[in-house]
């Protein structure tokens, strides 16, 4: 009886010390892994790539992202630029690598919509996809996994369109929303890229439609005639409040921790 108790007690002690040894090895392995992969120890950072919508009013759109996440948020944006021609420059790619973000927001499409034809859909899609993957590989897929990449669908704009006058359901006079086919092509391309690669996606146009109460014929009217106005008279750019509301809406739907 005594021997049985003794052996049972000894067996439990052996199991206990073996468990301690295993957990110690795992912990040491994790520490060494972290030391060997400095990526795991780097602080979070968000980078917003974009055009005039992002740079407007001293980067208001990005400011909201930083306010909501409390994560340092950087901007690489310039008026009149397109994603491929601007971000694809070697100097800009190097700058992105130096900033080393672990979240990437890609917010282009407005300038593409006035210069790129709908027939270029597949070529544009391939170029966008390749450039995003190039950025990801330069930084590291561990630091910037697919679900940390956010594609912003281009907002509605009436750039270079003939302005007709229609009537909203509430009787007010508005500009026609007959945007170019290229805009819808760009928006579709952005959505497909996000869907096929597991990126997050937020539709700026969708936000505008929701704000207009679902009435697609009155979107621009709602933004221009709002008090205070949320869109500028050029029917392309927003006011500071318009950009803040858009960014706040995006933050409801994307996951940035």
C-alpha atoms as a PDB file:
ATOM      1  CA  UNK A   1       0.000   0.000   0.000  1.00  0.00           C
ATOM      2  CA  UNK A   2       2.812   2.336   1.011  1.00  0.00           C
ATOM      3  CA  UNK A   3       4.731   1.519  -2.175  1.00  0.00           C
ATOM      4  CA  UNK A   4       1.663   2.236  -4.302  1.00  0.00           C
ATOM      5  CA  UNK A   5       1.209   5.629  -2.650  1.00  0.00           C
ATOM      6  CA  UNK A   6       4.940   6.356  -2.980  1.00  0.00           C
ATOM      7  CA  UNK A   7       5.057   5.492  -6.657  1.00  0.00           C
ATOM      8  CA  UNK A   8       1.867   7.463  -7.377  1.00  0.00           C
ATOM      9  CA  UNK A   9       3.295  10.509  -5.635  1.00  0.00           C
ATOM     10  CA  UNK A  10       6.596  10.162  -7.480  1.00  0.00           C
ATOM     11  CA  UNK A  11       4.819   9.765 -10.809  1.00  0.00           C
ATOM     12  CA  UNK A  12       2.836  12.980 -10.219  1.00  0.00           C
ATOM     13  CA  UNK A  13       6.048  14.855  -9.377  1.00  0.00           C
ATOM     14  CA  UNK A  14       7.682  13.599 -12.555  1.00  0.00           C
ATOM     15  CA  UNK A  15       4.685  14.682 -14.622  1.00  0.00           C
ATOM     16  CA  UNK A  16       4.735  18.076 -12.887  1.00  0.00           C
ATOM     17  CA  UNK A  17       8.400  18.722 -13.660  1.00  0.00           C
ATOM     18  CA  UNK A  18       8.039  17.490 -17.212  1.00  0.00           C
ATOM     19  CA  UNK A  19       5.159  19.980 -17.688  1.00  0.00           C
ATOM     20  CA  UNK A  20       7.292  22.795 -16.276  1.00  0.00           C
ATOM     21  CA  UNK A  21      10.104  21.857 -18.636  1.00  0.00           C
ATOM     22  CA  UNK A  22       7.785  21.787 -21.669  1.00  0.00           C
ATOM     23  CA  UNK A  23       6.244  25.167 -20.862  1.00  0.00           C
ATOM     24  CA  UNK A  24       9.716  26.650 -20.288  1.00  0.00           C
ATOM     25  CA  UNK A  25      10.900  25.415 -23.688  1.00  0.00           C
ATOM     26  CA  UNK A  26       7.793  26.866 -25.385  1.00  0.00           C
ATOM     27  CA  UNK A  27       8.217  30.219 -23.645  1.00  0.00           C
ATOM     28  CA  UNK A  28      11.913  30.353 -24.520  1.00  0.00           C
ATOM     29  CA  UNK A  29      11.085  29.456 -28.112  1.00  0.00           C
ATOM     30  CA  UNK A  30       8.554  32.301 -28.309  1.00  0.00           C
ATOM     31  CA  UNK A  31      11.090  34.755 -26.895  1.00  0.00           C
ATOM     32  CA  UNK A  32      13.742  33.664 -29.373  1.00  0.00           C
ATOM     33  CA  UNK A  33      11.179  33.817 -32.195  1.00  0.00           C
ATOM     34  CA  UNK A  34      10.280  37.384 -31.280  1.00  0.00           C
ATOM     35  CA  UNK A  35      13.961  38.345 -31.071  1.00  0.00           C
ATOM     36  CA  UNK A  36      14.666  36.714 -34.423  1.00  0.00           C
ATOM     37  CA  UNK A  37      11.634  38.476 -35.946  1.00  0.00           C
ATOM     38  CA  UNK A  38      11.790  42.142 -34.901  1.00  0.00           C
ATOM     39  CA  UNK A  39       8.599  42.662 -36.927  1.00  0.00           C
ATOM     40  CA  UNK A  40       6.653  41.231 -33.989  1.00  0.00           C
ATOM     41  CA  UNK A  41       8.028  43.872 -31.620  1.00  0.00           C
ATOM     42  CA  UNK A  42       7.409  46.929 -33.770  1.00  0.00           C
ATOM     43  CA  UNK A  43       4.721  49.438 -32.730  1.00  0.00           C
ATOM     44  CA  UNK A  44       1.524  49.700 -34.839  1.00  0.00           C
ATOM     45  CA  UNK A  45       1.249  52.299 -37.582  1.00  0.00           C
ATOM     46  CA  UNK A  46      -1.369  53.141 -40.190  1.00  0.00           C
ATOM     47  CA  UNK A  47      -0.564  54.513 -43.629  1.00  0.00           C
ATOM     48  CA  UNK A  48      -3.223  56.165 -45.790  1.00  0.00           C
ATOM     49  CA  UNK A  49      -2.462  56.374 -49.512  1.00  0.00           C
ATOM     50  CA  UNK A  50      -4.632  58.630 -51.614  1.00  0.00           C
ATOM     51  CA  UNK A  51      -5.392  61.673 -53.709  1.00  0.00           C
ATOM     52  CA  UNK A  52      -6.840  65.110 -52.950  1.00  0.00           C
ATOM     53  CA  UNK A  53      -9.595  63.605 -50.797  1.00  0.00           C
ATOM     54  CA  UNK A  54      -6.990  62.389 -48.321  1.00  0.00           C
ATOM     55  CA  UNK A  55      -4.731  65.431 -48.328  1.00  0.00           C
ATOM     56  CA  UNK A  56      -7.648  67.911 -48.018  1.00  0.00           C
ATOM     57  CA  UNK A  57      -7.900  70.148 -44.962  1.00  0.00           C
ATOM     58  CA  UNK A  58      -4.562  69.037 -43.534  1.00  0.00           C
ATOM     59  CA  UNK A  59      -5.279  65.331 -43.868  1.00  0.00           C
ATOM     60  CA  UNK A  60      -8.658  65.494 -42.125  1.00  0.00           C
ATOM     61  CA  UNK A  61      -9.663  61.991 -43.262  1.00  0.00           C
ATOM     62  CA  UNK A  62      -6.526  60.458 -41.736  1.00  0.00           C
ATOM     63  CA  UNK A  63      -6.858  62.577 -38.603  1.00  0.00           C
ATOM     64  CA  UNK A  64     -10.188  60.936 -37.865  1.00  0.00           C
ATOM     65  CA  UNK A  65      -8.632  57.481 -38.266  1.00  0.00           C
ATOM     66  CA  UNK A  66      -5.959  58.380 -35.735  1.00  0.00           C
ATOM     67  CA  UNK A  67      -8.508  59.863 -33.343  1.00  0.00           C
ATOM     68  CA  UNK A  68     -10.600  56.692 -33.416  1.00  0.00           C
ATOM     69  CA  UNK A  69      -7.759  54.165 -33.223  1.00  0.00           C
ATOM     70  CA  UNK A  70      -5.137  56.102 -31.229  1.00  0.00           C
ATOM     71  CA  UNK A  71      -2.591  54.587 -33.594  1.00  0.00           C
ATOM     72  CA  UNK A  72      -0.043  56.860 -35.330  1.00  0.00           C
ATOM     73  CA  UNK A  73      -1.430  57.504 -38.806  1.00  0.00           C
ATOM     74  CA  UNK A  74       0.695  58.676 -41.715  1.00  0.00           C
ATOM     75  CA  UNK A  75      -0.356  60.031 -45.100  1.00  0.00           C
ATOM     76  CA  UNK A  76       1.092  59.720 -48.582  1.00  0.00           C
ATOM     77  CA  UNK A  77      -1.308  61.646 -50.796  1.00  0.00           C
ATOM     78  CA  UNK A  78      -1.266  64.351 -53.443  1.00  0.00           C
ATOM     79  CA  UNK A  79      -3.783  66.278 -55.493  1.00  0.00           C
ATOM     80  CA  UNK A  80      -4.646  64.860 -58.910  1.00  0.00           C
ATOM     81  CA  UNK A  81      -2.750  61.616 -58.465  1.00  0.00           C
ATOM     82  CA  UNK A  82      -3.607  58.060 -59.488  1.00  0.00           C
ATOM     83  CA  UNK A  83      -2.632  54.969 -57.546  1.00  0.00           C
ATOM     84  CA  UNK A  84      -0.350  53.303 -60.112  1.00  0.00           C
ATOM     85  CA  UNK A  85       1.453  56.405 -61.406  1.00  0.00           C
ATOM     86  CA  UNK A  86       1.983  57.959 -57.974  1.00  0.00           C
ATOM     87  CA  UNK A  87       2.527  55.156 -55.479  1.00  0.00           C
ATOM     88  CA  UNK A  88       4.309  52.993 -58.038  1.00  0.00           C
ATOM     89  CA  UNK A  89       7.263  55.393 -58.172  1.00  0.00           C
ATOM     90  CA  UNK A  90      10.400  53.808 -56.637  1.00  0.00           C
ATOM     91  CA  UNK A  91      10.959  56.731 -54.250  1.00  0.00           C
ATOM     92  CA  UNK A  92       7.432  56.424 -52.879  1.00  0.00           C
ATOM     93  CA  UNK A  93       7.710  52.661 -52.521  1.00  0.00           C
ATOM     94  CA  UNK A  94      10.920  53.178 -50.553  1.00  0.00           C
ATOM     95  CA  UNK A  95       9.183  55.726 -48.324  1.00  0.00           C
ATOM     96  CA  UNK A  96       6.378  53.267 -47.631  1.00  0.00           C
ATOM     97  CA  UNK A  97       8.922  50.638 -46.656  1.00  0.00           C
ATOM     98  CA  UNK A  98      10.566  53.087 -44.257  1.00  0.00           C
ATOM     99  CA  UNK A  99       7.233  53.978 -42.646  1.00  0.00           C
ATOM    100  CA  UNK A 100       6.646  50.242 -42.173  1.00  0.00           C
ATOM    101  CA  UNK A 101       2.862  50.316 -41.536  1.00  0.00           C
ATOM    102  CA  UNK A 102       0.942  47.337 -40.255  1.00  0.00           C
ATOM    103  CA  UNK A 103      -2.309  48.787 -41.652  1.00  0.00           C
ATOM    104  CA  UNK A 104      -2.657  50.159 -45.172  1.00  0.00           C
ATOM    105  CA  UNK A 105      -5.582  52.252 -46.450  1.00  0.00           C
ATOM    106  CA  UNK A 106      -5.717  52.634 -50.246  1.00  0.00           C
ATOM    107  CA  UNK A 107      -8.034  55.515 -51.175  1.00  0.00           C
ATOM    108  CA  UNK A 108      -7.792  56.372 -54.862  1.00  0.00           C
ATOM    109  CA  UNK A 109     -10.185  56.215 -57.811  1.00  0.00           C
ATOM    110  CA  UNK A 110     -11.454  59.762 -58.364  1.00  0.00           C
ATOM    111  CA  UNK A 111      -8.729  60.759 -60.829  1.00  0.00           C
ATOM    112  CA  UNK A 112      -8.831  57.359 -62.487  1.00  0.00           C
ATOM    113  CA  UNK A 113     -12.553  57.849 -63.082  1.00  0.00           C
ATOM    114  CA  UNK A 114     -11.990  60.895 -65.311  1.00  0.00           C
ATOM    115  CA  UNK A 115      -9.092  59.556 -67.335  1.00  0.00           C
ATOM    116  CA  UNK A 116      -9.329  55.768 -67.448  1.00  0.00           C
ATOM    117  CA  UNK A 117     -11.821  54.071 -69.735  1.00  0.00           C
ATOM    118  CA  UNK A 118     -14.091  51.250 -68.635  1.00  0.00           C
ATOM    119  CA  UNK A 119     -12.434  49.075 -71.289  1.00  0.00           C
ATOM    120  CA  UNK A 120      -9.213  49.138 -69.240  1.00  0.00           C
ATOM    121  CA  UNK A 121     -10.888  47.245 -66.381  1.00  0.00           C
ATOM    122  CA  UNK A 122      -8.776  44.059 -66.420  1.00  0.00           C
ATOM    123  CA  UNK A 123      -5.497  45.891 -66.947  1.00  0.00           C
ATOM    124  CA  UNK A 124      -6.244  48.304 -64.092  1.00  0.00           C
ATOM    125  CA  UNK A 125      -7.291  45.461 -61.815  1.00  0.00           C
ATOM    126  CA  UNK A 126      -4.086  43.553 -62.514  1.00  0.00           C
ATOM    127  CA  UNK A 127      -1.890  46.625 -61.965  1.00  0.00           C
ATOM    128  CA  UNK A 128      -3.611  47.575 -58.707  1.00  0.00           C
ATOM    129  CA  UNK A 129      -3.407  44.017 -57.384  1.00  0.00           C
ATOM    130  CA  UNK A 130       0.271  43.694 -58.263  1.00  0.00           C
ATOM    131  CA  UNK A 131       1.192  47.038 -56.697  1.00  0.00           C
ATOM    132  CA  UNK A 132      -0.619  46.253 -53.434  1.00  0.00           C
ATOM    133  CA  UNK A 133       1.146  42.893 -53.250  1.00  0.00           C
ATOM    134  CA  UNK A 134       4.483  44.584 -53.966  1.00  0.00           C
ATOM    135  CA  UNK A 135       3.926  46.931 -51.029  1.00  0.00           C
ATOM    136  CA  UNK A 136       2.906  44.018 -48.834  1.00  0.00           C
ATOM    137  CA  UNK A 137       6.006  41.988 -49.691  1.00  0.00           C
ATOM    138  CA  UNK A 138       8.312  44.974 -49.162  1.00  0.00           C
ATOM    139  CA  UNK A 139       7.004  45.388 -45.632  1.00  0.00           C
ATOM    140  CA  UNK A 140       6.298  41.709 -44.815  1.00  0.00           C
ATOM    141  CA  UNK A 141       3.094  39.650 -44.972  1.00  0.00           C
ATOM    142  CA  UNK A 142       3.503  39.086 -41.216  1.00  0.00           C
ATOM    143  CA  UNK A 143       3.577  42.797 -40.501  1.00  0.00           C
ATOM    144  CA  UNK A 144       0.926  43.613 -43.127  1.00  0.00           C
ATOM    145  CA  UNK A 145      -1.422  40.637 -43.578  1.00  0.00           C
ATOM    146  CA  UNK A 146      -4.253  40.761 -46.111  1.00  0.00           C
ATOM    147  CA  UNK A 147      -6.947  41.659 -43.579  1.00  0.00           C
ATOM    148  CA  UNK A 148      -4.907  44.734 -42.545  1.00  0.00           C
ATOM    149  CA  UNK A 149      -5.283  46.210 -46.041  1.00  0.00           C
ATOM    150  CA  UNK A 150      -8.325  48.419 -46.577  1.00  0.00           C
ATOM    151  CA  UNK A 151      -9.583  49.410 -50.024  1.00  0.00           C
ATOM    152  CA  UNK A 152     -11.710  52.557 -50.080  1.00  0.00           C
ATOM    153  CA  UNK A 153     -14.207  52.582 -52.935  1.00  0.00           C
ATOM    154  CA  UNK A 154     -14.149  55.925 -54.763  1.00  0.00           C
ATOM    155  CA  UNK A 155     -16.835  58.484 -53.847  1.00  0.00           C
ATOM    156  CA  UNK A 156     -19.464  59.686 -56.275  1.00  0.00           C
ATOM    157  CA  UNK A 157     -18.355  62.700 -58.303  1.00  0.00           C
ATOM    158  CA  UNK A 158     -19.699  64.561 -61.302  1.00  0.00           C
ATOM    159  CA  UNK A 159     -16.367  65.762 -62.665  1.00  0.00           C
ATOM    160  CA  UNK A 160     -16.544  66.895 -66.303  1.00  0.00           C
ATOM    161  CA  UNK A 161     -20.184  65.931 -66.607  1.00  0.00           C
ATOM    162  CA  UNK A 162     -22.903  67.991 -68.246  1.00  0.00           C
ATOM    163  CA  UNK A 163     -25.003  69.422 -65.442  1.00  0.00           C
ATOM    164  CA  UNK A 164     -28.686  68.799 -65.898  1.00  0.00           C
ATOM    165  CA  UNK A 165     -31.409  69.804 -63.495  1.00  0.00           C
ATOM    166  CA  UNK A 166     -33.706  67.225 -62.004  1.00  0.00           C
ATOM    167  CA  UNK A 167     -36.108  67.257 -59.132  1.00  0.00           C
ATOM    168  CA  UNK A 168     -35.719  65.288 -55.935  1.00  0.00           C
ATOM    169  CA  UNK A 169     -38.667  63.715 -54.201  1.00  0.00           C
ATOM    170  CA  UNK A 170     -38.656  66.618 -51.765  1.00  0.00           C
ATOM    171  CA  UNK A 171     -39.043  69.116 -54.619  1.00  0.00           C
ATOM    172  CA  UNK A 172     -35.583  70.668 -54.469  1.00  0.00           C
ATOM    173  CA  UNK A 173     -33.532  71.248 -57.596  1.00  0.00           C
ATOM    174  CA  UNK A 174     -30.419  69.145 -57.988  1.00  0.00           C
ATOM    175  CA  UNK A 175     -27.637  68.235 -60.319  1.00  0.00           C
ATOM    176  CA  UNK A 176     -28.020  65.034 -62.272  1.00  0.00           C
ATOM    177  CA  UNK A 177     -26.012  62.138 -60.845  1.00  0.00           C
ATOM    178  CA  UNK A 178     -25.078  60.801 -64.261  1.00  0.00           C
ATOM    179  CA  UNK A 179     -21.495  60.055 -63.366  1.00  0.00           C
ATOM    180  CA  UNK A 180     -19.152  58.560 -65.937  1.00  0.00           C
ATOM    181  CA  UNK A 181     -19.178  54.829 -66.641  1.00  0.00           C
ATOM    182  CA  UNK A 182     -15.492  54.851 -65.721  1.00  0.00           C
ATOM    183  CA  UNK A 183     -16.331  55.740 -62.111  1.00  0.00           C
ATOM    184  CA  UNK A 184     -18.591  52.720 -61.745  1.00  0.00           C
ATOM    185  CA  UNK A 185     -15.951  50.565 -63.419  1.00  0.00           C
ATOM    186  CA  UNK A 186     -13.289  51.763 -60.964  1.00  0.00           C
ATOM    187  CA  UNK A 187     -15.594  51.180 -57.997  1.00  0.00           C
ATOM    188  CA  UNK A 188     -16.389  47.666 -59.185  1.00  0.00           C
ATOM    189  CA  UNK A 189     -12.701  46.940 -59.685  1.00  0.00           C
ATOM    190  CA  UNK A 190     -11.844  48.129 -56.174  1.00  0.00           C
ATOM    191  CA  UNK A 191     -14.536  45.921 -54.663  1.00  0.00           C
ATOM    192  CA  UNK A 192     -13.414  42.868 -56.642  1.00  0.00           C
ATOM    193  CA  UNK A 193      -9.768  43.334 -55.643  1.00  0.00           C
ATOM    194  CA  UNK A 194     -10.748  43.465 -51.976  1.00  0.00           C
ATOM    195  CA  UNK A 195     -13.078  40.479 -52.257  1.00  0.00           C
ATOM    196  CA  UNK A 196     -10.622  38.257 -54.131  1.00  0.00           C
ATOM    197  CA  UNK A 197      -7.691  38.959 -51.823  1.00  0.00           C
ATOM    198  CA  UNK A 198      -9.325  39.075 -48.428  1.00  0.00           C
ATOM    199  CA  UNK A 199      -8.829  42.822 -47.978  1.00  0.00           C
ATOM    200  CA  UNK A 200     -11.271  44.987 -46.057  1.00  0.00           C
ATOM    201  CA  UNK A 201     -13.504  47.244 -48.137  1.00  0.00           C
ATOM    202  CA  UNK A 202     -15.495  50.399 -47.480  1.00  0.00           C
ATOM    203  CA  UNK A 203     -17.646  52.139 -50.088  1.00  0.00           C
ATOM    204  CA  UNK A 204     -17.536  55.937 -49.956  1.00  0.00           C
ATOM    205  CA  UNK A 205     -20.309  56.012 -52.546  1.00  0.00           C
ATOM    206  CA  UNK A 206     -22.350  53.669 -50.336  1.00  0.00           C
ATOM    207  CA  UNK A 207     -21.950  56.049 -47.403  1.00  0.00           C
ATOM    208  CA  UNK A 208     -23.183  58.915 -49.582  1.00  0.00           C
ATOM    209  CA  UNK A 209     -26.198  56.890 -50.690  1.00  0.00           C
ATOM    210  CA  UNK A 210     -27.101  56.029 -47.102  1.00  0.00           C
ATOM    211  CA  UNK A 211     -26.742  59.683 -46.097  1.00  0.00           C
ATOM    212  CA  UNK A 212     -29.154  60.620 -48.883  1.00  0.00           C
ATOM    213  CA  UNK A 213     -31.725  58.233 -47.441  1.00  0.00           C
ATOM    214  CA  UNK A 214     -31.229  55.668 -50.198  1.00  0.00           C
ATOM    215  CA  UNK A 215     -32.388  58.087 -52.905  1.00  0.00           C
ATOM    216  CA  UNK A 216     -29.726  57.760 -55.611  1.00  0.00           C
ATOM    217  CA  UNK A 217     -31.144  60.740 -57.531  1.00  0.00           C
ATOM    218  CA  UNK A 218     -30.538  63.131 -54.635  1.00  0.00           C
ATOM    219  CA  UNK A 219     -27.081  62.261 -53.344  1.00  0.00           C
ATOM    220  CA  UNK A 220     -25.226  65.356 -54.547  1.00  0.00           C
ATOM    221  CA  UNK A 221     -28.138  67.565 -53.563  1.00  0.00           C
ATOM    222  CA  UNK A 222     -28.100  66.260 -49.999  1.00  0.00           C
ATOM    223  CA  UNK A 223     -24.410  66.995 -49.612  1.00  0.00           C
ATOM    224  CA  UNK A 224     -24.354  70.431 -51.228  1.00  0.00           C
ATOM    225  CA  UNK A 225     -27.531  71.731 -49.584  1.00  0.00           C
ATOM    226  CA  UNK A 226     -26.783  70.347 -46.138  1.00  0.00           C
ATOM    227  CA  UNK A 227     -26.304  72.924 -43.375  1.00  0.00           C
ATOM    228  CA  UNK A 228     -23.365  73.259 -43.173  1.00  0.00           C
ATOM    229  CA  UNK A 229     -22.520  72.086 -46.718  1.00  0.00           C
ATOM    230  CA  UNK A 230     -20.737  68.747 -46.950  1.00  0.00           C
ATOM    231  CA  UNK A 231     -19.634  69.018 -50.583  1.00  0.00           C
ATOM    232  CA  UNK A 232     -17.975  71.751 -52.581  1.00  0.00           C
ATOM    233  CA  UNK A 233     -19.438  73.412 -55.655  1.00  0.00           C
ATOM    234  CA  UNK A 234     -17.097  71.510 -57.983  1.00  0.00           C
ATOM    235  CA  UNK A 235     -19.207  68.378 -57.315  1.00  0.00           C
ATOM    236  CA  UNK A 236     -16.027  66.407 -56.637  1.00  0.00           C
ATOM    237  CA  UNK A 237     -14.515  67.472 -53.332  1.00  0.00           C
ATOM    238  CA  UNK A 238     -16.076  67.607 -49.897  1.00  0.00           C
ATOM    239  CA  UNK A 239     -15.924  70.184 -47.142  1.00  0.00           C
ATOM    240  CA  UNK A 240     -13.971  69.507 -43.973  1.00  0.00           C
ATOM    241  CA  UNK A 241     -17.124  68.288 -42.239  1.00  0.00           C
ATOM    242  CA  UNK A 242     -17.929  66.091 -45.224  1.00  0.00           C
ATOM    243  CA  UNK A 243     -14.541  64.405 -44.967  1.00  0.00           C
ATOM    244  CA  UNK A 244     -14.895  63.935 -41.228  1.00  0.00           C
ATOM    245  CA  UNK A 245     -18.309  62.299 -41.591  1.00  0.00           C
ATOM    246  CA  UNK A 246     -17.005  59.985 -44.306  1.00  0.00           C
ATOM    247  CA  UNK A 247     -14.007  58.872 -42.239  1.00  0.00           C
ATOM    248  CA  UNK A 248     -16.189  58.361 -39.163  1.00  0.00           C
ATOM    249  CA  UNK A 249     -18.519  56.161 -41.190  1.00  0.00           C
ATOM    250  CA  UNK A 250     -15.604  54.096 -42.488  1.00  0.00           C
ATOM    251  CA  UNK A 251     -14.384  53.490 -38.953  1.00  0.00           C
ATOM    252  CA  UNK A 252     -17.747  51.880 -38.118  1.00  0.00           C
ATOM    253  CA  UNK A 253     -17.146  49.127 -40.663  1.00  0.00           C
ATOM    254  CA  UNK A 254     -13.405  48.438 -40.783  1.00  0.00           C
ATOM    255  CA  UNK A 255     -11.433  46.535 -38.185  1.00  0.00           C
ATOM    256  CA  UNK A 256      -8.304  48.393 -37.052  1.00  0.00           C
ATOM    257  CA  UNK A 257      -6.942  47.493 -33.629  1.00  0.00           C
END
